[in-house]
Amino acid sequence: MLFAFNLVFVAVIAGNVVRGAEADTSDSENVRTVLFFGDSLTSGYNIDLGDAYPAIIGDKLRENGLSCRVVNAGLSGETTAGGLRRVDWILRREIDVFVLALGGNDALRGFDPKTTRENLKTILERVRERYPDALLVLAGMRAPPNMGNDYTNAFAAIYPDLAEELDLPLIPFLLEGMAVDPEYNLDDLIHPNERGHRVIAETVWETLEPLLRKEEQGDRNESGASP
């Protein structure tokens, strides 16, 4: 299950840089740190860490000449309340881009959407307070249909409402195009397999890449460098 505890989280929560983001660090001040803060969908439950979507994003960053390193701070079983408890620890690492991808476990457990929204908002506010210049991106999640229409609609509304309130870029649905599809998921039809993580990476990249391009262009303009 999505909330199944995974002992391999230790390396991830320690803030390891994952493969695929081997930017030239000779000028480390110009290398952005992109941190993915999520649950087992981010940590890569039952697959190699290097095949999880943050690592694939790292590959894309390198291939596209964007100077970034990727940190996978996903933790299996994480709820938004758990994320709120550990975010201050995570923020001891300096970050430039923070992608928040939590809420799936809240939905599976039937948590009150108002509580989930408040936890997500507080996490984002803490990141913004600690790193006011960081780019914050919110990834949307949805509740399973067996929770009933009222619940699924209320849960789905959390993410666009919060993105609008805090003026954040939104990835509408992290699992777009692959949720519960056997081709893209493990046997539990909850956790993505390697192919599913590639689909997620494309979904994330569609939102993230233009934002990073824009920021990099802004840095060049400020430094007077040629585009």
C-alpha atoms as a PDB file:
ATOM      1  CA  MET A   1       0.000   0.000   0.000  1.00  0.00           C
ATOM      2  CA  LEU A   2       1.059   3.603  -0.500  1.00  0.00           C
ATOM      3  CA  PHE A   3       1.442   4.049   3.218  1.00  0.00           C
ATOM      4  CA  ALA A   4       3.529   0.909   3.657  1.00  0.00           C
ATOM      5  CA  PHE A   5       6.679   1.689   5.615  1.00  0.00           C
ATOM      6  CA  ASN A   6       9.847   1.295   3.622  1.00  0.00           C
ATOM      7  CA  LEU A   7      13.106   0.868   5.500  1.00  0.00           C
ATOM      8  CA  VAL A   8      15.119   1.989   2.534  1.00  0.00           C
ATOM      9  CA  PHE A   9      13.992   5.533   3.188  1.00  0.00           C
ATOM     10  CA  VAL A  10      17.095   6.269   5.291  1.00  0.00           C
ATOM     11  CA  ALA A  11      19.300   7.081   2.308  1.00  0.00           C
ATOM     12  CA  VAL A  12      16.572   9.148   0.736  1.00  0.00           C
ATOM     13  CA  ILE A  13      15.596  11.180   3.760  1.00  0.00           C
ATOM     14  CA  ALA A  14      19.255  11.926   4.352  1.00  0.00           C
ATOM     15  CA  GLY A  15      18.984  14.076   1.270  1.00  0.00           C
ATOM     16  CA  ASN A  16      21.086  12.102  -1.178  1.00  0.00           C
ATOM     17  CA  VAL A  17      21.620  13.604  -4.593  1.00  0.00           C
ATOM     18  CA  VAL A  18      20.264  11.111  -7.113  1.00  0.00           C
ATOM     19  CA  ARG A  19      21.831  10.129 -10.389  1.00  0.00           C
ATOM     20  CA  GLY A  20      21.277  12.104 -13.534  1.00  0.00           C
ATOM     21  CA  ALA A  21      21.973  15.565 -12.187  1.00  0.00           C
ATOM     22  CA  GLU A  22      25.741  15.559 -12.472  1.00  0.00           C
ATOM     23  CA  ALA A  23      26.048  19.219 -13.383  1.00  0.00           C
ATOM     24  CA  ASP A  24      29.485  20.764 -13.423  1.00  0.00           C
ATOM     25  CA  THR A  25      29.988  21.886  -9.844  1.00  0.00           C
ATOM     26  CA  SER A  26      33.212  23.763 -10.490  1.00  0.00           C
ATOM     27  CA  ASP A  27      31.053  26.879 -10.220  1.00  0.00           C
ATOM     28  CA  SER A  28      28.775  25.471  -7.546  1.00  0.00           C
ATOM     29  CA  GLU A  29      27.144  28.816  -6.794  1.00  0.00           C
ATOM     30  CA  ASN A  30      25.384  28.592 -10.146  1.00  0.00           C
ATOM     31  CA  VAL A  31      24.093  25.048  -9.631  1.00  0.00           C
ATOM     32  CA  ARG A  32      20.504  24.993  -8.385  1.00  0.00           C
ATOM     33  CA  THR A  33      19.279  22.360  -5.954  1.00  0.00           C
ATOM     34  CA  VAL A  34      15.903  20.905  -6.918  1.00  0.00           C
ATOM     35  CA  LEU A  35      14.293  19.020  -4.035  1.00  0.00           C
ATOM     36  CA  PHE A  36      11.328  16.681  -4.443  1.00  0.00           C
ATOM     37  CA  PHE A  37       9.398  16.367  -1.172  1.00  0.00           C
ATOM     38  CA  GLY A  38       6.906  13.535  -1.293  1.00  0.00           C
ATOM     39  CA  ASP A  39       5.912  10.008  -0.319  1.00  0.00           C
ATOM     40  CA  SER A  40       6.492   6.569  -1.863  1.00  0.00           C
ATOM     41  CA  LEU A  41       5.428   7.880  -5.273  1.00  0.00           C
ATOM     42  CA  THR A  42       8.518  10.082  -5.114  1.00  0.00           C
ATOM     43  CA  SER A  43      10.904   7.809  -3.222  1.00  0.00           C
ATOM     44  CA  GLY A  44      10.452   4.997  -5.747  1.00  0.00           C
ATOM     45  CA  TYR A  45       8.705   2.265  -3.778  1.00  0.00           C
ATOM     46  CA  ASN A  46      10.021  -1.206  -4.737  1.00  0.00           C
ATOM     47  CA  ILE A  47      12.150   0.077  -7.614  1.00  0.00           C
ATOM     48  CA  ASP A  48      15.719   1.338  -7.771  1.00  0.00           C
ATOM     49  CA  LEU A  49      16.153   4.916  -6.572  1.00  0.00           C
ATOM     50  CA  GLY A  50      17.802   5.712  -9.880  1.00  0.00           C
ATOM     51  CA  ASP A  51      14.602   4.761 -11.730  1.00  0.00           C
ATOM     52  CA  ALA A  52      12.298   7.004  -9.684  1.00  0.00           C
ATOM     53  CA  TYR A  53      10.998  10.097 -11.435  1.00  0.00           C
ATOM     54  CA  PRO A  54      13.272  12.600  -9.595  1.00  0.00           C
ATOM     55  CA  ALA A  55      16.328  10.799 -11.017  1.00  0.00           C
ATOM     56  CA  ILE A  56      14.785  10.866 -14.486  1.00  0.00           C
ATOM     57  CA  ILE A  57      14.221  14.601 -14.080  1.00  0.00           C
ATOM     58  CA  GLY A  58      17.892  14.825 -13.148  1.00  0.00           C
ATOM     59  CA  ASP A  59      18.808  13.163 -16.428  1.00  0.00           C
ATOM     60  CA  LYS A  60      16.629  15.596 -18.329  1.00  0.00           C
ATOM     61  CA  LEU A  61      18.196  18.575 -16.581  1.00  0.00           C
ATOM     62  CA  ARG A  62      21.667  17.417 -17.519  1.00  0.00           C
ATOM     63  CA  GLU A  63      20.700  16.570 -21.093  1.00  0.00           C
ATOM     64  CA  ASN A  64      19.128  19.985 -21.540  1.00  0.00           C
ATOM     65  CA  GLY A  65      22.084  21.889 -20.150  1.00  0.00           C
ATOM     66  CA  LEU A  66      20.322  23.119 -17.022  1.00  0.00           C
ATOM     67  CA  SER A  67      22.694  23.464 -14.062  1.00  0.00           C
ATOM     68  CA  CYS A  68      20.794  21.670 -11.326  1.00  0.00           C
ATOM     69  CA  ARG A  69      21.290  18.890  -8.831  1.00  0.00           C
ATOM     70  CA  VAL A  70      18.314  16.794  -7.746  1.00  0.00           C
ATOM     71  CA  VAL A  71      17.535  15.663  -4.211  1.00  0.00           C
ATOM     72  CA  ASN A  72      14.938  12.937  -3.672  1.00  0.00           C
ATOM     73  CA  ALA A  73      13.366  13.623  -0.276  1.00  0.00           C
ATOM     74  CA  GLY A  74      10.515  11.171  -0.742  1.00  0.00           C
ATOM     75  CA  LEU A  75       9.539   8.980   2.191  1.00  0.00           C
ATOM     76  CA  SER A  76       7.277   5.945   1.911  1.00  0.00           C
ATOM     77  CA  GLY A  77       4.186   6.209   4.061  1.00  0.00           C
ATOM     78  CA  GLU A  78       4.409   9.976   4.392  1.00  0.00           C
ATOM     79  CA  THR A  79       1.229  11.939   5.047  1.00  0.00           C
ATOM     80  CA  THR A  80       0.950  15.704   4.880  1.00  0.00           C
ATOM     81  CA  ALA A  81       1.105  15.773   8.693  1.00  0.00           C
ATOM     82  CA  GLY A  82       4.309  13.731   8.596  1.00  0.00           C
ATOM     83  CA  GLY A  83       5.727  16.030   5.958  1.00  0.00           C
ATOM     84  CA  LEU A  84       4.960  19.023   8.122  1.00  0.00           C
ATOM     85  CA  ARG A  85       6.819  17.418  11.013  1.00  0.00           C
ATOM     86  CA  ARG A  86       9.970  16.770   8.990  1.00  0.00           C
ATOM     87  CA  VAL A  87      10.108  19.749   6.641  1.00  0.00           C
ATOM     88  CA  ASP A  88      12.192  21.898   9.006  1.00  0.00           C
ATOM     89  CA  TRP A  89      14.809  19.155   9.108  1.00  0.00           C
ATOM     90  CA  ILE A  90      14.836  18.949   5.319  1.00  0.00           C
ATOM     91  CA  LEU A  91      15.213  22.722   5.039  1.00  0.00           C
ATOM     92  CA  ARG A  92      18.579  22.600   6.736  1.00  0.00           C
ATOM     93  CA  ARG A  93      19.763  21.831   3.213  1.00  0.00           C
ATOM     94  CA  GLU A  94      19.786  24.956   1.068  1.00  0.00           C
ATOM     95  CA  ILE A  95      17.367  24.628  -1.829  1.00  0.00           C
ATOM     96  CA  ASP A  96      16.440  26.626  -4.906  1.00  0.00           C
ATOM     97  CA  VAL A  97      13.435  24.647  -6.152  1.00  0.00           C
ATOM     98  CA  PHE A  98      10.982  22.791  -3.913  1.00  0.00           C
ATOM     99  CA  VAL A  99       8.472  20.409  -5.509  1.00  0.00           C
ATOM    100  CA  LEU A 100       5.779  19.343  -3.041  1.00  0.00           C
ATOM    101  CA  ALA A 101       4.119  16.032  -3.922  1.00  0.00           C
ATOM    102  CA  LEU A 102       2.165  14.913  -0.862  1.00  0.00           C
ATOM    103  CA  GLY A 103      -1.429  13.967  -0.138  1.00  0.00           C
ATOM    104  CA  GLY A 104      -1.894  10.494  -1.583  1.00  0.00           C
ATOM    105  CA  ASN A 105      -1.732   8.779   1.789  1.00  0.00           C
ATOM    106  CA  ASP A 106      -4.130  11.315   3.287  1.00  0.00           C
ATOM    107  CA  ALA A 107      -6.652  10.394   0.596  1.00  0.00           C
ATOM    108  CA  LEU A 108      -6.212   6.642   1.070  1.00  0.00           C
ATOM    109  CA  ARG A 109      -6.822   7.053   4.792  1.00  0.00           C
ATOM    110  CA  GLY A 110      -9.812   9.329   4.322  1.00  0.00           C
ATOM    111  CA  PHE A 111      -8.320  12.301   6.137  1.00  0.00           C
ATOM    112  CA  ASP A 112     -10.324  15.517   6.209  1.00  0.00           C
ATOM    113  CA  PRO A 113      -9.412  17.517   3.064  1.00  0.00           C
ATOM    114  CA  LYS A 114      -9.400  20.708   5.145  1.00  0.00           C
ATOM    115  CA  THR A 115      -6.649  19.270   7.335  1.00  0.00           C
ATOM    116  CA  THR A 116      -4.676  18.087   4.309  1.00  0.00           C
ATOM    117  CA  ARG A 117      -4.941  21.540   2.757  1.00  0.00           C
ATOM    118  CA  GLU A 118      -3.801  23.267   5.932  1.00  0.00           C
ATOM    119  CA  ASN A 119      -0.797  20.946   6.264  1.00  0.00           C
ATOM    120  CA  LEU A 120       0.238  21.537   2.660  1.00  0.00           C
ATOM    121  CA  LYS A 121      -0.169  25.276   3.062  1.00  0.00           C
ATOM    122  CA  THR A 122       1.938  25.345   6.218  1.00  0.00           C
ATOM    123  CA  ILE A 123       4.703  23.307   4.566  1.00  0.00           C
ATOM    124  CA  LEU A 124       4.821  25.723   1.645  1.00  0.00           C
ATOM    125  CA  GLU A 125       4.782  28.754   3.918  1.00  0.00           C
ATOM    126  CA  ARG A 126       7.684  27.382   5.937  1.00  0.00           C
ATOM    127  CA  VAL A 127       9.712  26.800   2.787  1.00  0.00           C
ATOM    128  CA  ARG A 128       8.921  30.284   1.540  1.00  0.00           C
ATOM    129  CA  GLU A 129       9.842  31.796   4.902  1.00  0.00           C
ATOM    130  CA  ARG A 130      13.178  29.977   5.008  1.00  0.00           C
ATOM    131  CA  TYR A 131      14.042  30.474   1.327  1.00  0.00           C
ATOM    132  CA  PRO A 132      12.019  33.432   0.013  1.00  0.00           C
ATOM    133  CA  ASP A 133      13.706  33.317  -3.390  1.00  0.00           C
ATOM    134  CA  ALA A 134      13.120  29.615  -3.951  1.00  0.00           C
ATOM    135  CA  LEU A 135      10.771  28.397  -6.673  1.00  0.00           C
ATOM    136  CA  LEU A 136       7.901  26.403  -5.147  1.00  0.00           C
ATOM    137  CA  VAL A 137       5.886  23.954  -7.239  1.00  0.00           C
ATOM    138  CA  LEU A 138       2.817  22.034  -6.071  1.00  0.00           C
ATOM    139  CA  ALA A 139       1.905  18.615  -7.517  1.00  0.00           C
ATOM    140  CA  GLY A 140      -1.771  17.697  -7.389  1.00  0.00           C
ATOM    141  CA  MET A 141      -3.148  14.418  -6.123  1.00  0.00           C
ATOM    142  CA  ARG A 142      -6.591  12.806  -6.283  1.00  0.00           C
ATOM    143  CA  ALA A 143      -8.522  10.510  -3.989  1.00  0.00           C
ATOM    144  CA  PRO A 144      -9.636   7.072  -5.204  1.00  0.00           C
ATOM    145  CA  PRO A 145     -13.215   7.012  -6.534  1.00  0.00           C
ATOM    146  CA  ASN A 146     -14.382   4.562  -3.877  1.00  0.00           C
ATOM    147  CA  MET A 147     -14.165   7.422  -1.361  1.00  0.00           C
ATOM    148  CA  GLY A 148     -17.331   8.909  -2.875  1.00  0.00           C
ATOM    149  CA  ASN A 149     -17.928  11.922  -5.085  1.00  0.00           C
ATOM    150  CA  ASP A 150     -18.139  14.489  -2.310  1.00  0.00           C
ATOM    151  CA  TYR A 151     -14.821  13.439  -0.852  1.00  0.00           C
ATOM    152  CA  THR A 152     -12.984  13.056  -4.178  1.00  0.00           C
ATOM    153  CA  ASN A 153     -14.196  16.451  -5.395  1.00  0.00           C
ATOM    154  CA  ALA A 154     -13.233  18.173  -2.147  1.00  0.00           C
ATOM    155  CA  PHE A 155      -9.822  16.532  -2.194  1.00  0.00           C
ATOM    156  CA  ALA A 156      -9.108  17.343  -5.830  1.00  0.00           C
ATOM    157  CA  ALA A 157      -9.983  20.992  -5.197  1.00  0.00           C
ATOM    158  CA  ILE A 158      -7.248  21.357  -2.580  1.00  0.00           C
ATOM    159  CA  TYR A 159      -4.434  21.737  -5.058  1.00  0.00           C
ATOM    160  CA  PRO A 160      -5.715  24.303  -7.590  1.00  0.00           C
ATOM    161  CA  ASP A 161      -7.203  26.363  -4.763  1.00  0.00           C
ATOM    162  CA  LEU A 162      -3.954  26.350  -2.819  1.00  0.00           C
ATOM    163  CA  ALA A 163      -1.847  27.085  -5.899  1.00  0.00           C
ATOM    164  CA  GLU A 164      -4.051  30.079  -6.660  1.00  0.00           C
ATOM    165  CA  GLU A 165      -3.977  31.342  -3.067  1.00  0.00           C
ATOM    166  CA  LEU A 166      -0.189  31.133  -2.775  1.00  0.00           C
ATOM    167  CA  ASP A 167       0.490  32.021  -6.424  1.00  0.00           C
ATOM    168  CA  LEU A 168       2.338  28.774  -7.175  1.00  0.00           C
ATOM    169  CA  PRO A 169       2.897  26.767 -10.355  1.00  0.00           C
ATOM    170  CA  LEU A 170       0.717  23.660 -10.302  1.00  0.00           C
ATOM    171  CA  ILE A 171       1.244  20.207 -11.739  1.00  0.00           C
ATOM    172  CA  PRO A 172      -2.481  19.372 -11.998  1.00  0.00           C
ATOM    173  CA  PHE A 173      -2.178  15.635 -11.266  1.00  0.00           C
ATOM    174  CA  LEU A 174       1.097  13.842 -10.560  1.00  0.00           C
ATOM    175  CA  LEU A 175      -0.239  10.510 -11.849  1.00  0.00           C
ATOM    176  CA  GLU A 176      -1.814  11.840 -15.024  1.00  0.00           C
ATOM    177  CA  GLY A 177      -2.152   9.170 -17.712  1.00  0.00           C
ATOM    178  CA  MET A 178      -0.969   6.243 -15.602  1.00  0.00           C
ATOM    179  CA  ALA A 179      -3.009   5.980 -12.385  1.00  0.00           C
ATOM    180  CA  VAL A 180      -4.248   2.398 -11.699  1.00  0.00           C
ATOM    181  CA  ASP A 181      -3.130   1.275 -15.171  1.00  0.00           C
ATOM    182  CA  PRO A 182      -1.467  -2.184 -14.912  1.00  0.00           C
ATOM    183  CA  GLU A 183       1.000  -1.229 -17.636  1.00  0.00           C
ATOM    184  CA  TYR A 184       2.463   1.521 -15.487  1.00  0.00           C
ATOM    185  CA  ASN A 185       2.035   0.225 -11.959  1.00  0.00           C
ATOM    186  CA  LEU A 186       3.172  -2.558  -9.682  1.00  0.00           C
ATOM    187  CA  ASP A 187       0.708  -5.314  -8.850  1.00  0.00           C
ATOM    188  CA  ASP A 188      -0.940  -3.166  -6.162  1.00  0.00           C
ATOM    189  CA  LEU A 189      -2.053  -0.711  -8.895  1.00  0.00           C
ATOM    190  CA  ILE A 190      -1.007   2.129  -6.578  1.00  0.00           C
ATOM    191  CA  HIS A 191       2.749   2.372  -6.890  1.00  0.00           C
ATOM    192  CA  PRO A 192       4.260   3.116 -10.305  1.00  0.00           C
ATOM    193  CA  ASN A 193       6.744   0.747 -11.892  1.00  0.00           C
ATOM    194  CA  GLU A 194       9.750   1.958 -13.870  1.00  0.00           C
ATOM    195  CA  ARG A 195       7.597   2.728 -16.898  1.00  0.00           C
ATOM    196  CA  GLY A 196       5.143   4.619 -14.703  1.00  0.00           C
ATOM    197  CA  HIS A 197       7.914   6.751 -13.264  1.00  0.00           C
ATOM    198  CA  ARG A 198       8.922   7.726 -16.778  1.00  0.00           C
ATOM    199  CA  VAL A 199       5.357   8.913 -17.386  1.00  0.00           C
ATOM    200  CA  ILE A 200       5.406  10.894 -14.135  1.00  0.00           C
ATOM    201  CA  ALA A 201       8.728  12.444 -15.119  1.00  0.00           C
ATOM    202  CA  GLU A 202       7.228  13.685 -18.386  1.00  0.00           C
ATOM    203  CA  THR A 203       4.276  15.166 -16.493  1.00  0.00           C
ATOM    204  CA  VAL A 204       6.562  16.952 -14.034  1.00  0.00           C
ATOM    205  CA  TRP A 205       8.964  18.056 -16.762  1.00  0.00           C
ATOM    206  CA  GLU A 206       6.183  19.726 -18.714  1.00  0.00           C
ATOM    207  CA  THR A 207       5.669  22.160 -15.833  1.00  0.00           C
ATOM    208  CA  LEU A 208       9.167  22.325 -14.400  1.00  0.00           C
ATOM    209  CA  GLU A 209      11.317  22.789 -17.503  1.00  0.00           C
ATOM    210  CA  PRO A 210       9.909  26.174 -18.652  1.00  0.00           C
ATOM    211  CA  LEU A 211      10.101  27.489 -15.075  1.00  0.00           C
ATOM    212  CA  LEU A 212      13.770  26.567 -14.793  1.00  0.00           C
ATOM    213  CA  ARG A 213      14.496  27.992 -18.234  1.00  0.00           C
ATOM    214  CA  LYS A 214      12.901  31.261 -17.191  1.00  0.00           C
ATOM    215  CA  GLU A 215      14.892  31.413 -13.963  1.00  0.00           C
ATOM    216  CA  GLU A 216      18.148  30.622 -15.719  1.00  0.00           C
ATOM    217  CA  GLN A 217      17.453  33.314 -18.303  1.00  0.00           C
ATOM    218  CA  GLY A 218      16.773  35.767 -15.485  1.00  0.00           C
ATOM    219  CA  ASP A 219      20.118  34.929 -13.887  1.00  0.00           C
ATOM    220  CA  ARG A 220      21.881  35.519 -17.190  1.00  0.00           C
ATOM    221  CA  ASN A 221      20.178  38.863 -17.636  1.00  0.00           C
ATOM    222  CA  GLU A 222      21.148  39.928 -14.140  1.00  0.00           C
ATOM    223  CA  SER A 223      24.764  38.926 -14.703  1.00  0.00           C
ATOM    224  CA  GLY A 224      24.875  40.606 -18.106  1.00  0.00           C
ATOM    225  CA  ALA A 225      25.744  37.333 -19.817  1.00  0.00           C
ATOM    226  CA  SER A 226      24.611  36.593 -23.345  1.00  0.00           C
ATOM    227  CA  PRO A 227      21.508  34.412 -23.646  1.00  0.00           C
END
